Protein backbone atom coordinates (compact mmCIF):
# COMPACT_ATOMS: atom_id res chain seq x y z
CA MET A 1 15.17 13.28 94.79
CA VAL A 2 16.20 10.48 92.56
CA LEU A 3 17.66 8.84 95.29
CA THR A 4 14.56 9.17 97.55
CA THR A 5 12.26 8.06 94.63
CA GLY A 6 14.37 4.79 94.23
CA LEU A 7 14.31 4.09 98.01
CA LEU A 8 10.66 4.51 98.14
CA LEU A 9 10.16 2.13 95.11
CA LEU A 10 12.34 -0.42 96.72
CA PHE A 11 10.38 -0.08 100.11
CA ALA A 12 7.04 -0.44 97.91
CA LEU A 13 8.47 -3.47 96.21
CA HIS A 14 9.26 -5.09 99.40
CA LEU A 15 5.75 -4.60 100.96
CA LEU A 16 4.11 -5.89 97.80
CA SER A 17 6.56 -9.21 97.90
CA ILE A 18 5.59 -9.89 101.76
CA GLY A 19 2.03 -8.92 101.24
CA VAL A 20 1.41 -11.50 98.30
CA ARG A 21 1.12 -14.80 100.04
CA PRO A 22 -0.89 -17.76 98.98
CA GLU A 23 -2.35 -18.37 102.41
CA THR A 24 -3.28 -14.74 103.43
CA ARG A 25 -5.44 -12.15 101.66
CA THR A 26 -4.10 -9.10 100.28
CA SER A 27 -3.99 -6.20 102.71
CA LYS A 28 -5.43 -2.96 102.04
CA ALA A 29 -2.07 -1.23 102.43
CA SER A 30 -0.58 -3.37 99.80
CA LEU A 31 -3.53 -2.45 97.46
CA VAL A 32 -2.86 1.33 98.00
CA LEU A 33 0.84 0.68 97.40
CA MET A 34 0.06 -0.95 94.06
CA GLU A 35 -2.06 1.84 92.94
CA THR A 36 0.45 4.36 94.21
CA PHE A 37 3.68 3.02 92.33
CA LYS A 38 1.75 1.55 89.39
CA PRO A 39 2.64 4.91 87.33
CA LEU A 40 6.30 4.53 88.41
CA LEU A 41 6.46 0.97 87.48
CA VAL A 42 4.63 1.58 84.22
CA VAL A 43 7.55 4.42 83.55
CA GLU A 44 10.16 2.03 84.27
CA SER A 45 8.91 -0.67 82.25
CA GLN A 46 8.65 1.86 79.31
CA LEU A 47 12.00 3.05 79.90
CA ALA A 48 13.35 -0.41 79.85
CA ASP A 49 11.70 -1.17 76.57
CA ASP A 50 12.71 2.17 75.12
CA ALA A 51 16.38 1.41 76.07
CA SER A 52 16.08 -1.88 74.56
CA ASP A 53 14.54 -0.64 71.48
CA PHE A 54 17.30 2.00 71.32
CA LEU A 55 20.18 -0.63 71.72
CA ARG A 56 18.53 -2.72 68.77
CA SER A 57 18.30 0.21 66.52
CA TYR A 58 21.85 1.29 67.25
CA PHE A 59 23.19 -2.07 66.48
CA ASP A 60 20.85 -2.45 63.33
CA LEU A 61 22.41 1.00 62.11
CA VAL A 62 25.99 -0.25 62.69
CA ASP A 63 25.13 -3.48 60.85
CA VAL A 64 23.60 -1.10 58.04
CA ARG A 65 26.78 1.16 57.91
CA ARG A 66 28.92 -2.01 57.87
CA GLU A 67 26.94 -3.52 55.02
CA ASN A 68 27.02 -0.48 52.94
CA LEU A 69 30.83 0.06 53.35
CA ARG A 70 30.98 -3.46 52.05
CA LEU A 71 28.54 -2.72 49.03
CA LYS A 72 30.52 0.43 48.27
CA HIS A 73 34.09 -1.35 48.42
CA GLN A 74 32.27 -4.02 46.17
CA LEU A 75 31.23 -1.45 43.84
CA ALA A 76 34.55 0.20 43.50
CA GLN A 77 36.20 -3.33 42.46
CA LEU A 78 33.64 -3.94 40.02
CA GLU A 79 34.00 -0.49 38.50
CA GLY A 80 37.83 -0.99 38.56
CA GLN A 81 37.45 -4.12 36.84
CA GLN A 82 35.14 -2.59 34.11
CA ARG A 83 37.61 -0.03 33.36
CA LEU A 84 40.27 -2.39 33.10
CA MET A 85 38.30 -4.66 30.78
CA VAL A 86 37.56 -1.40 28.53
CA GLU A 87 41.22 -0.44 28.45
CA LEU A 88 42.24 -4.09 27.57
CA GLU A 89 39.51 -4.30 24.95
CA ALA A 90 41.15 -1.05 23.44
CA GLU A 91 44.72 -2.06 23.60
CA ASN A 92 43.52 -5.64 21.88
CA ARG A 93 41.82 -3.48 19.18
CA HIS A 94 44.83 -1.43 18.74
CA LEU A 95 47.03 -4.43 18.62
CA ALA A 96 44.80 -6.11 16.06
CA ASP A 97 45.10 -2.95 13.84
CA LEU A 98 48.84 -3.09 14.05
CA LEU A 99 48.98 -6.78 13.12
CA GLU A 100 46.65 -6.24 10.17
CA LEU A 101 49.06 -3.42 8.98
CA ARG A 102 52.01 -5.72 9.26
CA ASP A 103 50.21 -8.35 7.20
CA ALA A 104 49.22 -5.88 4.65
CA MET A 105 52.96 -4.55 4.35
CA GLY A 106 54.18 -8.22 3.99
CA THR A 107 56.67 -7.42 6.61
CA THR A 108 58.08 -8.97 10.03
CA ALA A 109 57.46 -6.72 12.98
CA VAL A 110 57.36 -6.45 16.66
CA ALA A 111 54.48 -4.82 18.61
CA ALA A 112 55.70 -2.71 21.52
CA ASN A 113 54.29 -0.53 24.15
CA VAL A 114 55.60 3.08 24.78
CA ILE A 115 56.80 3.40 28.20
CA ALA A 116 58.40 6.82 28.57
CA SER A 117 59.12 9.87 26.67
CA ASP A 118 62.23 12.15 27.00
CA ALA A 119 61.73 14.14 29.90
CA THR A 120 64.63 16.65 29.38
CA GLY A 121 63.15 18.45 26.18
CA LEU A 122 66.64 18.40 24.62
CA SER A 123 65.57 15.60 22.11
CA ARG A 124 62.42 14.08 20.87
CA THR A 125 62.52 10.37 21.67
CA LEU A 126 60.35 7.55 23.11
CA MET A 127 61.07 4.45 25.12
CA LEU A 128 59.81 1.07 24.12
CA SER A 129 59.07 -2.02 26.21
CA GLU A 130 60.86 -4.25 23.79
CA GLY A 131 64.68 -4.88 23.19
CA ASP A 132 67.18 -7.08 21.42
CA ARG A 133 65.72 -10.31 23.29
CA GLN A 134 62.82 -9.56 21.15
CA GLY A 135 64.85 -9.22 17.90
CA LEU A 136 65.18 -5.17 17.80
CA ARG A 137 68.19 -3.69 16.38
CA ARG A 138 69.48 -0.08 15.80
CA ASP A 139 68.21 1.85 12.79
CA MET A 140 64.79 -0.29 12.79
CA ALA A 141 61.82 1.62 11.58
CA VAL A 142 59.09 2.29 14.05
CA ILE A 143 55.56 3.06 12.58
CA SER A 144 52.03 3.06 14.00
CA THR A 145 48.58 2.59 12.47
CA ASP A 146 48.80 6.58 11.62
CA GLY A 147 51.87 6.68 10.01
CA VAL A 148 55.70 7.03 10.54
CA VAL A 149 57.03 7.33 13.98
CA GLY A 150 60.65 7.13 14.04
CA LYS A 151 63.75 4.72 14.19
CA LEU A 152 65.60 2.92 16.70
CA ILE A 153 68.69 4.79 17.95
CA ALA A 154 69.60 2.73 21.15
CA VAL A 155 68.67 -0.90 22.15
CA SER A 156 69.19 -2.76 25.40
CA HIS A 157 68.14 -6.42 26.29
CA ASP A 158 64.41 -5.39 27.21
CA ALA A 159 64.06 -2.04 26.05
CA ALA A 160 64.72 0.49 23.22
CA ARG A 161 64.72 4.12 22.22
CA VAL A 162 63.23 5.69 19.32
CA LEU A 163 64.36 8.88 17.64
CA LEU A 164 60.95 10.72 16.46
CA ILE A 165 60.79 12.04 13.00
CA SER A 166 59.95 15.27 14.58
CA ASP A 167 63.34 15.56 16.31
CA HIS A 168 65.55 17.98 14.17
CA ASN A 169 68.29 15.28 13.98
CA SER A 170 66.19 12.94 11.99
CA ALA A 171 66.04 12.63 8.25
CA LEU A 172 63.52 10.60 6.05
CA ASP A 173 63.52 10.32 2.53
CA SER A 174 60.05 11.06 1.28
CA PHE A 175 58.12 11.92 -1.99
CA ASP A 176 54.85 13.82 -2.63
CA GLN A 177 52.24 11.36 -3.56
CA ARG A 178 50.60 13.69 -6.19
CA SER A 179 53.56 15.37 -7.87
CA ARG A 180 56.08 12.36 -7.11
CA SER A 181 58.67 15.04 -6.20
CA ARG A 182 61.31 13.78 -3.69
CA GLY A 183 62.94 15.56 -0.44
CA ILE A 184 64.03 14.93 2.90
CA VAL A 185 61.64 15.44 5.90
CA ALA A 186 63.07 16.41 9.33
CA GLY A 187 62.05 17.86 12.39
CA VAL A 188 62.40 21.67 13.22
CA VAL A 189 63.54 22.91 16.48
CA GLU A 190 60.47 24.79 17.24
CA ASP A 191 57.98 22.06 16.40
CA GLY A 192 56.43 20.29 13.22
CA LEU A 193 58.23 18.97 10.15
CA ALA A 194 59.88 20.54 7.09
CA MET A 195 60.44 18.81 3.76
CA LYS A 196 63.91 19.87 2.40
CA TYR A 197 66.03 19.87 -0.71
CA VAL A 198 62.84 20.18 -3.04
CA ASP A 199 63.54 21.95 -6.11
CA ARG A 200 61.76 25.61 -6.32
CA ALA A 201 60.34 24.47 -10.00
CA ASP A 202 58.57 21.21 -8.27
CA ASP A 203 54.81 21.08 -7.97
CA ILE A 204 53.96 20.80 -4.41
CA LYS A 205 50.92 22.35 -2.96
CA PRO A 206 49.26 22.48 0.63
CA GLY A 207 47.06 19.54 1.16
CA ASP A 208 49.33 17.00 -0.55
CA THR A 209 50.36 13.65 0.93
CA ILE A 210 53.88 12.95 1.75
CA LEU A 211 55.09 9.30 1.89
CA THR A 212 58.23 7.36 2.56
CA SER A 213 60.16 6.56 -0.61
CA GLY A 214 62.02 3.60 0.75
CA LEU A 215 65.27 4.96 -0.47
CA ASP A 216 67.01 5.40 3.00
CA GLY A 217 67.01 1.58 3.59
CA ILE A 218 65.10 1.99 6.90
CA PHE A 219 61.44 2.64 6.11
CA PRO A 220 59.30 0.68 3.74
CA ARG A 221 57.96 2.56 0.79
CA GLY A 222 54.51 4.08 0.78
CA LEU A 223 54.19 4.87 4.56
CA LEU A 224 52.19 7.92 5.48
CA VAL A 225 54.53 10.70 6.95
CA GLY A 226 52.25 13.82 6.94
CA THR A 227 50.40 16.46 5.08
CA VAL A 228 51.99 19.70 3.39
CA THR A 229 50.74 22.63 5.35
CA ARG A 230 52.70 25.51 3.90
CA VAL A 231 54.88 26.01 0.66
CA SER A 232 56.81 29.25 0.09
CA ARG A 233 59.17 30.29 -2.78
CA GLU A 234 60.11 33.48 -1.18
CA GLY A 235 63.79 34.51 -0.35
CA PRO A 236 66.88 33.46 -2.19
CA GLY A 237 67.87 29.87 -2.70
CA LEU A 238 67.28 26.78 -4.72
CA PHE A 239 64.76 25.10 -2.76
CA LEU A 240 61.18 25.58 -1.55
CA SER A 241 60.42 26.24 2.16
CA ILE A 242 57.87 23.37 2.84
CA GLU A 243 56.19 22.78 6.21
CA VAL A 244 54.51 19.35 6.84
CA LYS A 245 52.07 18.19 9.64
CA ALA A 246 53.13 14.85 10.94
CA ALA A 247 50.27 12.21 10.61
CA VAL A 248 51.19 10.81 14.16
CA ASP A 249 50.12 12.56 17.31
CA PHE A 250 53.37 11.70 19.15
CA HIS A 251 51.99 12.76 22.52
CA GLN A 252 49.07 10.16 22.05
CA LEU A 253 51.15 7.02 21.29
CA GLU A 254 50.85 4.00 23.27
CA GLN A 255 51.48 1.03 21.06
CA VAL A 256 53.92 1.11 18.06
CA MET A 257 55.16 -1.41 15.67
CA VAL A 258 59.01 -1.95 14.86
CA VAL A 259 59.85 -3.25 11.61
CA THR A 260 62.44 -5.88 12.03
CA GLN A 261 62.53 -6.83 8.26
CA HIS A 262 61.18 -5.67 4.87
CA LEU A 263 61.62 -6.11 1.38
CA PRO A 264 63.65 -3.78 -0.75
CA THR A 265 61.49 -1.34 -2.96
CA ALA A 266 61.85 0.19 -6.26
CA PRO A 267 63.01 3.81 -6.64
CA VAL A 268 60.47 6.45 -6.78
CA GLN A 269 60.48 8.48 -10.11
CA SER A 270 60.81 11.93 -9.72
CA ASN A 271 59.25 14.70 -11.71
CA GLY A 272 62.74 16.77 -11.34
């Protein structure tokens, strides 16, 4: 059917072309053919216009999609840059706080990023981004704006390992800010801190603030260690059982300060 219609259309066009000549008048047959095939020609023209419009719309959609993808990619880049700027601003604020703490303490110190933590669970340590090239040495104190973090136990050229005060192998000479009672703060195997070797007669209460005494030769005096959460006089023995909550959240540390030099401090007077 389509083939027959096409042949008739070609034949009609041929007759129309030979019937229209300047020197002859239009024949009646040509006029009849013009009227007969006019609807077909109109449909053909409309189909051609529709096809052209479809192709233009298709390519317009392709261009729009390509532009949308470009804009989405550009937006993602801008959002990434914004997040980076926010993170850099937070790091700069924290670094400024560390430098302000260093100046207030009157010490020489090096700022370092925390780049790793102990993955085995056998010890509680952190890895720092600075080493002996920056002047770090074993047994230097590591602190944050919140309080005491720990001390260096290993140093390479460009990295160092910190033993946290929450590790059971740590020992930190401290005192109760209110009563002035002295003791040794160490980590416990389960979790948290304990203040050891405090006489049972000493006045220590939950809520008391524990500070560094400076007598161990590592930590400057007066740094915040934590807060007493529980005191027990039950059971035999000469000493109190004291639990302390660390001032520092060791899981949230990102930047710390290593004290490379500090002035010696006067002994803390104990009420004992």
